[in-house]
Structures are given as structure tokens and as C-alpha cells.
Amino acid sequence: MLPLIVRFLNPFLQTSDSPLDDAGTDTQSAEDTFNIFNIPVFDSVDFSELMMRFAINIFLAFIIVRFIYFPFNNRSKEHVFTLILFNTVIFFVCALMRNLTIQIGFAFGLFALFGLLRYRTMPIPIKDLTYLFILICMGMINAMFYRRITYAEFIGADVLIIIVSFTLEKILAHNKEYSKRIEYEKIDLIKPEKYDELIDDLKKRTGLNIHRIHIERVNFLRDTARIWVFYYEEKNVTI
């Protein structure tokens, strides 16, 4: 029975011809040359490099999310899922497609898929999108498996991104501006000549130290206005 099974599986399970050295001995191990449908099952060198780069990538991505993004931004913990998972998926997509020859149109189409992303529940602040873009690009950088790109080069690029992000956040944290959107019913105060009176009324009703406002929309049918108020406030965010 066993010989029949082996004979049936023989066309599908096969080993490729391994290169021989000058002495005529096999230069590759059996696990490196074992194929299924002419596809290698395991390559120890590529797999080890993949895991090493992924470990570096996820460690640096965690540093950005945990020690830069959260301490300087008032965000909930659920953002960890989006940021880290985006970084992880982009890393493996780029890593597994590194040996494929693709046309430039397909490459642009792949990036155009990100244009389909829509979060309908709430608008995404531009700063959150910037962090998302940073982690996507970091996953792409760390997935480059070209032998001409050394570990020092892509790790150095990641570290510089972290340093620049932390420096900018540290500078902006000294005078950080917050904003809120308010539905306001006293539309008689939205006139330019009553700007100071409008700010004083908003300060009394919200208790915020408002220093400027932006009138987004006015609805004369309902006698309401949508106003963005901007204020400075010291906040200690811990996670």
C-alpha cells in the first residue's frame, strides 16, 4: 500500500536538483530543496531574514504608537488596532511581493486601493492620517529585502523618523491647540463686528479658554450655526 501512495504522490512531492560543489557533494540541505508543485516549502535564509525584519519593524512601530503618538495626542486605545495592523499587513504584502515582476500600472493600482478606505463613523484628523502614513511607509521600508540595502540603512531611516516625530511633538506640546465643534443658536452674534462678543459668550457657556473661532456653516432656516472653537488646554494623557 505504501509504495502505491509514494508512487501517486511522486509527481507532486519532489526535490529540485541541488547544486554540487567541486567535491561533488550537495551544497543545500534537504529542507531547502523540498518542493510541492515545484514551489519550495522552506528557505531557511529568507525565512530567518523575514522574521528578523518583522521583529525590528513591529518593535519600532510600537515605539512610535506607545511613546510618541499616545502621550502627545488625546486618543483612545482602539487606535492601536488600526495603526499596528496597518503596519503589519503592509510589511508582509511588500515582503511577499518583493520577488514579483509587476507593471507600473499594477503598482499604482495597489496604492490606489487605499483611496477606498472610508471611516464613516467619524472624521479622521489630519494628524492621525499622518501617523497612519508613517507606519505604512515604515512597513514598506522594513520589508525591502534587497541585499544592497543593509540593516544599518533601513534601521537608521526608522530611527530618524522616530526622532523627527518625537521632536516635532515635543515642540508643539508646549503650546498645543485643541478644537471642538459646537452648534450655536445665537446667529445674531456671528457678524464680524460682534466677533469679540461672540468669543466672550462662548467662553462663558463652555468654560474653555477660547482664543479664536471658525464659522463652518450657517443655517438660517433653523437659526443655528456650526462653529469650530480653538483653545489651549494642558492635558496629561496616560494609557
C-alpha atoms as a PDB file:
ATOM      1  CA  MET A   1       0.000   0.000   0.000  1.00  0.00           C
ATOM      2  CA  LEU A   2       2.784   2.466   0.933  1.00  0.00           C
ATOM      3  CA  PRO A   3       4.640   2.067  -2.384  1.00  0.00           C
ATOM      4  CA  LEU A   4       1.409   2.898  -4.244  1.00  0.00           C
ATOM      5  CA  ILE A   5       0.920   6.061  -2.177  1.00  0.00           C
ATOM      6  CA  VAL A   6       4.509   7.151  -2.774  1.00  0.00           C
ATOM      7  CA  ARG A   7       4.147   6.472  -6.492  1.00  0.00           C
ATOM      8  CA  PHE A   8       0.931   8.551  -6.614  1.00  0.00           C
ATOM      9  CA  LEU A   9       2.451  11.494  -4.767  1.00  0.00           C
ATOM     10  CA  ASN A  10       5.773  11.371  -6.563  1.00  0.00           C
ATOM     11  CA  PRO A  11       4.825  13.929  -9.278  1.00  0.00           C
ATOM     12  CA  PHE A  12       3.715  16.424  -6.620  1.00  0.00           C
ATOM     13  CA  LEU A  13       6.347  15.928  -3.941  1.00  0.00           C
ATOM     14  CA  GLN A  14       9.794  16.267  -5.371  1.00  0.00           C
ATOM     15  CA  THR A  15      13.143  17.798  -4.654  1.00  0.00           C
ATOM     16  CA  SER A  16      14.899  20.082  -7.060  1.00  0.00           C
ATOM     17  CA  ASP A  17      18.371  19.383  -8.351  1.00  0.00           C
ATOM     18  CA  SER A  18      20.716  20.775  -5.752  1.00  0.00           C
ATOM     19  CA  PRO A  19      23.936  22.423  -6.896  1.00  0.00           C
ATOM     20  CA  LEU A  20      27.091  20.441  -6.249  1.00  0.00           C
ATOM     21  CA  ASP A  21      30.379  21.832  -5.108  1.00  0.00           C
ATOM     22  CA  ASP A  22      33.760  20.913  -6.561  1.00  0.00           C
ATOM     23  CA  ALA A  23      33.881  17.727  -4.493  1.00  0.00           C
ATOM     24  CA  GLY A  24      30.527  16.613  -5.882  1.00  0.00           C
ATOM     25  CA  THR A  25      28.625  16.952  -2.594  1.00  0.00           C
ATOM     26  CA  ASP A  26      25.225  18.557  -2.164  1.00  0.00           C
ATOM     27  CA  THR A  27      25.535  22.221  -1.099  1.00  0.00           C
ATOM     28  CA  GLN A  28      21.903  22.608   0.114  1.00  0.00           C
ATOM     29  CA  SER A  29      20.051  20.828   2.873  1.00  0.00           C
ATOM     30  CA  ALA A  30      17.051  18.622   2.176  1.00  0.00           C
ATOM     31  CA  GLU A  31      14.632  21.084   3.777  1.00  0.00           C
ATOM     32  CA  ASP A  32      15.812  23.866   1.455  1.00  0.00           C
ATOM     33  CA  THR A  33      15.192  21.848  -1.709  1.00  0.00           C
ATOM     34  CA  PHE A  34      11.900  20.124  -0.856  1.00  0.00           C
ATOM     35  CA  ASN A  35       9.150  21.274  -3.236  1.00  0.00           C
ATOM     36  CA  ILE A  36       5.396  20.923  -3.578  1.00  0.00           C
ATOM     37  CA  PHE A  37       4.148  21.569  -7.108  1.00  0.00           C
ATOM     38  CA  ASN A  38       7.630  22.943  -7.875  1.00  0.00           C
ATOM     39  CA  ILE A  39       7.280  25.540  -5.124  1.00  0.00           C
ATOM     40  CA  PRO A  40       9.924  25.464  -2.352  1.00  0.00           C
ATOM     41  CA  VAL A  41       8.438  24.570   1.021  1.00  0.00           C
ATOM     42  CA  PHE A  42      11.036  26.268   3.194  1.00  0.00           C
ATOM     43  CA  ASP A  43      14.032  28.523   2.728  1.00  0.00           C
ATOM     44  CA  SER A  44      15.888  28.951   5.991  1.00  0.00           C
ATOM     45  CA  VAL A  45      17.794  32.062   4.922  1.00  0.00           C
ATOM     46  CA  ASP A  46      14.787  34.020   3.587  1.00  0.00           C
ATOM     47  CA  PHE A  47      12.533  32.927   6.461  1.00  0.00           C
ATOM     48  CA  SER A  48      15.096  33.957   9.088  1.00  0.00           C
ATOM     49  CA  GLU A  49      15.536  37.335   7.439  1.00  0.00           C
ATOM     50  CA  LEU A  50      11.766  37.798   7.228  1.00  0.00           C
ATOM     51  CA  MET A  51      11.320  37.125  10.934  1.00  0.00           C
ATOM     52  CA  MET A  52      14.275  39.324  11.858  1.00  0.00           C
ATOM     53  CA  ARG A  53      12.978  42.272   9.841  1.00  0.00           C
ATOM     54  CA  PHE A  54       9.447  41.809  11.145  1.00  0.00           C
ATOM     55  CA  ALA A  55      10.692  41.819  14.744  1.00  0.00           C
ATOM     56  CA  ILE A  56      12.563  45.069  14.095  1.00  0.00           C
ATOM     57  CA  ASN A  57       9.561  46.554  12.298  1.00  0.00           C
ATOM     58  CA  ILE A  58       6.964  45.746  14.973  1.00  0.00           C
ATOM     59  CA  PHE A  59       9.315  46.927  17.748  1.00  0.00           C
ATOM     60  CA  LEU A  60       9.900  50.322  16.116  1.00  0.00           C
ATOM     61  CA  ALA A  61       6.201  50.680  15.238  1.00  0.00           C
ATOM     62  CA  PHE A  62       5.321  50.020  18.893  1.00  0.00           C
ATOM     63  CA  ILE A  63       7.738  52.760  19.971  1.00  0.00           C
ATOM     64  CA  ILE A  64       6.012  55.292  17.719  1.00  0.00           C
ATOM     65  CA  VAL A  65       2.493  54.321  18.836  1.00  0.00           C
ATOM     66  CA  ARG A  66       3.156  53.903  22.554  1.00  0.00           C
ATOM     67  CA  PHE A  67       5.783  56.533  23.318  1.00  0.00           C
ATOM     68  CA  ILE A  68       5.081  59.261  20.728  1.00  0.00           C
ATOM     69  CA  TYR A  69       1.519  59.025  19.390  1.00  0.00           C
ATOM     70  CA  PHE A  70      -0.364  58.361  22.633  1.00  0.00           C
ATOM     71  CA  PRO A  71       1.489  60.608  25.108  1.00  0.00           C
ATOM     72  CA  PHE A  72       1.101  63.670  22.870  1.00  0.00           C
ATOM     73  CA  ASN A  73      -2.391  63.017  21.498  1.00  0.00           C
ATOM     74  CA  ASN A  74      -5.668  62.525  23.306  1.00  0.00           C
ATOM     75  CA  ARG A  75      -6.719  59.278  21.611  1.00  0.00           C
ATOM     76  CA  SER A  76      -8.334  56.029  22.737  1.00  0.00           C
ATOM     77  CA  LYS A  77      -6.571  52.686  22.876  1.00  0.00           C
ATOM     78  CA  GLU A  78      -8.560  51.313  19.955  1.00  0.00           C
ATOM     79  CA  HIS A  79      -6.303  53.265  17.611  1.00  0.00           C
ATOM     80  CA  VAL A  80      -3.598  50.697  18.386  1.00  0.00           C
ATOM     81  CA  PHE A  81      -5.500  48.131  16.305  1.00  0.00           C
ATOM     82  CA  THR A  82      -5.557  50.319  13.194  1.00  0.00           C
ATOM     83  CA  LEU A  83      -2.001  51.636  13.381  1.00  0.00           C
ATOM     84  CA  ILE A  84      -0.217  48.398  14.283  1.00  0.00           C
ATOM     85  CA  LEU A  85      -2.280  46.187  11.978  1.00  0.00           C
ATOM     86  CA  PHE A  86      -1.830  48.535   9.016  1.00  0.00           C
ATOM     87  CA  ASN A  87       1.913  48.446   9.591  1.00  0.00           C
ATOM     88  CA  THR A  88       1.950  44.643   9.888  1.00  0.00           C
ATOM     89  CA  VAL A  89      -0.170  43.975   6.797  1.00  0.00           C
ATOM     90  CA  ILE A  90       1.801  46.399   4.614  1.00  0.00           C
ATOM     91  CA  PHE A  91       5.051  44.822   5.798  1.00  0.00           C
ATOM     92  CA  PHE A  92       4.024  41.303   4.790  1.00  0.00           C
ATOM     93  CA  VAL A  93       2.441  42.435   1.498  1.00  0.00           C
ATOM     94  CA  CYS A  94       5.650  44.153   0.442  1.00  0.00           C
ATOM     95  CA  ALA A  95       7.857  41.370   1.765  1.00  0.00           C
ATOM     96  CA  LEU A  96       5.982  38.560  -0.010  1.00  0.00           C
ATOM     97  CA  MET A  97       5.692  40.505  -3.277  1.00  0.00           C
ATOM     98  CA  ARG A  98       9.329  41.573  -3.387  1.00  0.00           C
ATOM     99  CA  ASN A  99      10.292  38.923  -5.972  1.00  0.00           C
ATOM    100  CA  LEU A 100       7.312  39.533  -8.278  1.00  0.00           C
ATOM    101  CA  THR A 101       7.754  41.431 -11.508  1.00  0.00           C
ATOM    102  CA  ILE A 102       4.788  43.777 -11.738  1.00  0.00           C
ATOM    103  CA  GLN A 103       3.946  46.532 -14.163  1.00  0.00           C
ATOM    104  CA  ILE A 104       3.886  50.156 -13.091  1.00  0.00           C
ATOM    105  CA  GLY A 105       0.106  50.321 -13.642  1.00  0.00           C
ATOM    106  CA  PHE A 106      -0.478  47.463 -11.222  1.00  0.00           C
ATOM    107  CA  ALA A 107       1.795  49.115  -8.662  1.00  0.00           C
ATOM    108  CA  PHE A 108      -0.171  52.367  -8.800  1.00  0.00           C
ATOM    109  CA  GLY A 109      -3.422  50.413  -8.658  1.00  0.00           C
ATOM    110  CA  LEU A 110      -2.235  48.700  -5.489  1.00  0.00           C
ATOM    111  CA  PHE A 111      -1.681  52.027  -3.770  1.00  0.00           C
ATOM    112  CA  ALA A 112      -4.957  53.374  -5.177  1.00  0.00           C
ATOM    113  CA  LEU A 113      -6.763  50.780  -3.052  1.00  0.00           C
ATOM    114  CA  PHE A 114      -6.030  52.952  -0.034  1.00  0.00           C
ATOM    115  CA  GLY A 115      -8.292  55.565  -1.600  1.00  0.00           C
ATOM    116  CA  LEU A 116     -11.208  53.219  -0.991  1.00  0.00           C
ATOM    117  CA  LEU A 117     -10.774  53.478   2.762  1.00  0.00           C
ATOM    118  CA  ARG A 118     -13.578  55.403   4.369  1.00  0.00           C
ATOM    119  CA  TYR A 119     -14.340  55.684   8.089  1.00  0.00           C
ATOM    120  CA  ARG A 120     -17.939  56.873   8.038  1.00  0.00           C
ATOM    121  CA  THR A 121     -18.453  56.944  11.788  1.00  0.00           C
ATOM    122  CA  MET A 122     -16.211  59.953  12.434  1.00  0.00           C
ATOM    123  CA  PRO A 123     -13.830  62.230  10.526  1.00  0.00           C
ATOM    124  CA  ILE A 124     -10.142  61.353  10.796  1.00  0.00           C
ATOM    125  CA  PRO A 125      -7.900  64.245  11.890  1.00  0.00           C
ATOM    126  CA  ILE A 126      -5.037  65.024   9.546  1.00  0.00           C
ATOM    127  CA  LYS A 127      -2.542  64.238  12.294  1.00  0.00           C
ATOM    128  CA  ASP A 128      -3.916  60.715  12.735  1.00  0.00           C
ATOM    129  CA  LEU A 129      -3.689  60.197   8.979  1.00  0.00           C
ATOM    130  CA  THR A 130      -0.077  61.343   9.127  1.00  0.00           C
ATOM    131  CA  TYR A 131       0.765  58.742  11.760  1.00  0.00           C
ATOM    132  CA  LEU A 132      -1.051  56.108   9.711  1.00  0.00           C
ATOM    133  CA  PHE A 133       1.001  57.085   6.659  1.00  0.00           C
ATOM    134  CA  ILE A 134       4.213  56.960   8.714  1.00  0.00           C
ATOM    135  CA  LEU A 135       3.529  53.415   9.891  1.00  0.00           C
ATOM    136  CA  ILE A 136       2.548  52.288   6.370  1.00  0.00           C
ATOM    137  CA  CYS A 137       5.786  53.672   4.921  1.00  0.00           C
ATOM    138  CA  MET A 138       7.789  52.184   7.784  1.00  0.00           C
ATOM    139  CA  GLY A 139       6.371  48.749   6.994  1.00  0.00           C
ATOM    140  CA  MET A 140       7.363  49.201   3.335  1.00  0.00           C
ATOM    141  CA  ILE A 141      10.888  50.317   4.226  1.00  0.00           C
ATOM    142  CA  ASN A 142      11.473  47.411   6.586  1.00  0.00           C
ATOM    143  CA  ALA A 143      10.171  44.891   4.046  1.00  0.00           C
ATOM    144  CA  MET A 144      12.791  45.714   1.411  1.00  0.00           C
ATOM    145  CA  PHE A 145      14.827  42.519   1.103  1.00  0.00           C
ATOM    146  CA  TYR A 146      17.470  43.763  -1.296  1.00  0.00           C
ATOM    147  CA  ARG A 147      20.960  42.692  -0.340  1.00  0.00           C
ATOM    148  CA  ARG A 148      22.281  46.137  -1.281  1.00  0.00           C
ATOM    149  CA  ILE A 149      20.174  47.683   1.494  1.00  0.00           C
ATOM    150  CA  THR A 150      21.875  46.936   4.788  1.00  0.00           C
ATOM    151  CA  TYR A 151      20.280  46.654   8.201  1.00  0.00           C
ATOM    152  CA  ALA A 152      22.026  49.873   9.221  1.00  0.00           C
ATOM    153  CA  GLU A 153      20.335  51.771   6.392  1.00  0.00           C
ATOM    154  CA  PHE A 154      16.705  50.814   6.993  1.00  0.00           C
ATOM    155  CA  ILE A 155      17.041  50.840  10.792  1.00  0.00           C
ATOM    156  CA  GLY A 156      18.711  54.243  10.542  1.00  0.00           C
ATOM    157  CA  ALA A 157      15.806  55.524   8.431  1.00  0.00           C
ATOM    158  CA  ASP A 158      13.309  54.238  11.021  1.00  0.00           C
ATOM    159  CA  VAL A 159      15.220  55.823  13.894  1.00  0.00           C
ATOM    160  CA  LEU A 160      15.378  59.174  12.099  1.00  0.00           C
ATOM    161  CA  ILE A 161      11.607  59.068  11.532  1.00  0.00           C
ATOM    162  CA  ILE A 162      11.098  58.400  15.246  1.00  0.00           C
ATOM    163  CA  ILE A 163      13.468  61.227  16.247  1.00  0.00           C
ATOM    164  CA  VAL A 164      11.814  63.760  13.920  1.00  0.00           C
ATOM    165  CA  SER A 165       8.317  62.756  15.064  1.00  0.00           C
ATOM    166  CA  PHE A 166       9.244  62.997  18.746  1.00  0.00           C
ATOM    167  CA  THR A 167      10.997  66.350  18.258  1.00  0.00           C
ATOM    168  CA  LEU A 168       8.035  67.906  16.471  1.00  0.00           C
ATOM    169  CA  GLU A 169       5.593  66.593  19.076  1.00  0.00           C
ATOM    170  CA  LYS A 170       7.784  67.906  21.875  1.00  0.00           C
ATOM    171  CA  ILE A 171       7.964  71.358  20.310  1.00  0.00           C
ATOM    172  CA  LEU A 172       4.234  71.550  19.607  1.00  0.00           C
ATOM    173  CA  ALA A 173       3.330  70.198  23.068  1.00  0.00           C
ATOM    174  CA  HIS A 174       4.389  73.464  24.746  1.00  0.00           C
ATOM    175  CA  ASN A 175       1.607  75.371  23.013  1.00  0.00           C
ATOM    176  CA  LYS A 176      -0.838  72.698  21.951  1.00  0.00           C
ATOM    177  CA  GLU A 177      -4.147  73.769  20.467  1.00  0.00           C
ATOM    178  CA  TYR A 178      -7.385  71.809  20.865  1.00  0.00           C
ATOM    179  CA  SER A 179     -10.625  72.250  18.960  1.00  0.00           C
ATOM    180  CA  LYS A 180     -14.308  71.434  19.367  1.00  0.00           C
ATOM    181  CA  ARG A 181     -17.285  71.752  17.056  1.00  0.00           C
ATOM    182  CA  ILE A 182     -20.335  73.485  18.516  1.00  0.00           C
ATOM    183  CA  GLU A 183     -23.880  74.020  17.302  1.00  0.00           C
ATOM    184  CA  TYR A 184     -24.619  77.653  18.182  1.00  0.00           C
ATOM    185  CA  GLU A 185     -28.080  79.210  18.160  1.00  0.00           C
ATOM    186  CA  LYS A 186     -27.322  82.938  18.571  1.00  0.00           C
ATOM    187  CA  ILE A 187     -26.703  83.699  14.937  1.00  0.00           C
ATOM    188  CA  ASP A 188     -27.075  87.424  15.560  1.00  0.00           C
ATOM    189  CA  LEU A 189     -23.568  87.299  17.110  1.00  0.00           C
ATOM    190  CA  ILE A 190     -21.853  85.781  14.078  1.00  0.00           C
ATOM    191  CA  LYS A 191     -21.462  89.176  12.441  1.00  0.00           C
ATOM    192  CA  PRO A 192     -17.848  90.362  12.034  1.00  0.00           C
ATOM    193  CA  GLU A 193     -18.403  93.457  14.174  1.00  0.00           C
ATOM    194  CA  LYS A 194     -19.580  91.237  17.081  1.00  0.00           C
ATOM    195  CA  TYR A 195     -16.598  88.862  16.976  1.00  0.00           C
ATOM    196  CA  ASP A 196     -15.323  89.730  20.473  1.00  0.00           C
ATOM    197  CA  GLU A 197     -18.818  89.470  21.933  1.00  0.00           C
ATOM    198  CA  LEU A 198     -19.244  86.034  20.322  1.00  0.00           C
ATOM    199  CA  ILE A 199     -15.997  84.756  21.828  1.00  0.00           C
ATOM    200  CA  ASP A 200     -16.935  86.076  25.285  1.00  0.00           C
ATOM    201  CA  ASP A 201     -20.304  84.314  25.096  1.00  0.00           C
ATOM    202  CA  LEU A 202     -18.683  81.044  24.036  1.00  0.00           C
ATOM    203  CA  LYS A 203     -16.142  81.289  26.870  1.00  0.00           C
ATOM    204  CA  LYS A 204     -18.888  81.731  29.457  1.00  0.00           C
ATOM    205  CA  ARG A 205     -21.029  78.882  28.109  1.00  0.00           C
ATOM    206  CA  THR A 206     -18.250  76.332  27.535  1.00  0.00           C
ATOM    207  CA  GLY A 207     -15.756  77.271  30.253  1.00  0.00           C
ATOM    208  CA  LEU A 208     -12.939  76.979  27.726  1.00  0.00           C
ATOM    209  CA  ASN A 209     -10.171  79.496  27.190  1.00  0.00           C
ATOM    210  CA  ILE A 210     -11.119  80.121  23.556  1.00  0.00           C
ATOM    211  CA  HIS A 211      -8.750  82.331  21.597  1.00  0.00           C
ATOM    212  CA  ARG A 212     -10.196  82.008  18.068  1.00  0.00           C
ATOM    213  CA  ILE A 213     -13.185  80.560  16.218  1.00  0.00           C
ATOM    214  CA  HIS A 214     -14.121  79.420  12.740  1.00  0.00           C
ATOM    215  CA  ILE A 215     -17.714  79.567  11.463  1.00  0.00           C
ATOM    216  CA  GLU A 216     -18.168  76.439   9.365  1.00  0.00           C
ATOM    217  CA  ARG A 217     -21.802  76.721   8.329  1.00  0.00           C
ATOM    218  CA  VAL A 218     -24.878  78.880   9.000  1.00  0.00           C
ATOM    219  CA  ASN A 219     -28.429  77.510   8.802  1.00  0.00           C
ATOM    220  CA  PHE A 220     -30.849  80.414   8.635  1.00  0.00           C
ATOM    221  CA  LEU A 221     -33.849  78.066   8.430  1.00  0.00           C
ATOM    222  CA  ARG A 222     -33.098  76.734  11.907  1.00  0.00           C
ATOM    223  CA  ASP A 223     -31.288  79.834  13.168  1.00  0.00           C
ATOM    224  CA  THR A 224     -28.182  77.846  14.070  1.00  0.00           C
ATOM    225  CA  ALA A 225     -24.519  77.996  13.165  1.00  0.00           C
ATOM    226  CA  ARG A 226     -21.827  75.330  13.250  1.00  0.00           C
ATOM    227  CA  ILE A 227     -18.731  76.808  14.844  1.00  0.00           C
ATOM    228  CA  TRP A 228     -15.254  75.396  15.500  1.00  0.00           C
ATOM    229  CA  VAL A 229     -13.713  76.794  18.675  1.00  0.00           C
ATOM    230  CA  PHE A 230      -9.951  76.641  19.293  1.00  0.00           C
ATOM    231  CA  TYR A 231      -8.418  76.779  22.742  1.00  0.00           C
ATOM    232  CA  TYR A 232      -5.311  75.866  24.715  1.00  0.00           C
ATOM    233  CA  GLU A 233      -5.522  73.322  27.471  1.00  0.00           C
ATOM    234  CA  GLU A 234      -2.965  71.339  29.422  1.00  0.00           C
ATOM    235  CA  LYS A 235      -3.772  67.637  29.436  1.00  0.00           C
ATOM    236  CA  ASN A 236      -1.873  64.676  30.859  1.00  0.00           C
ATOM    237  CA  VAL A 237      -2.699  61.619  28.825  1.00  0.00           C
ATOM    238  CA  THR A 238      -1.802  58.196  30.185  1.00  0.00           C
ATOM    239  CA  ILE A 239      -2.533  54.793  28.735  1.00  0.00           C
END
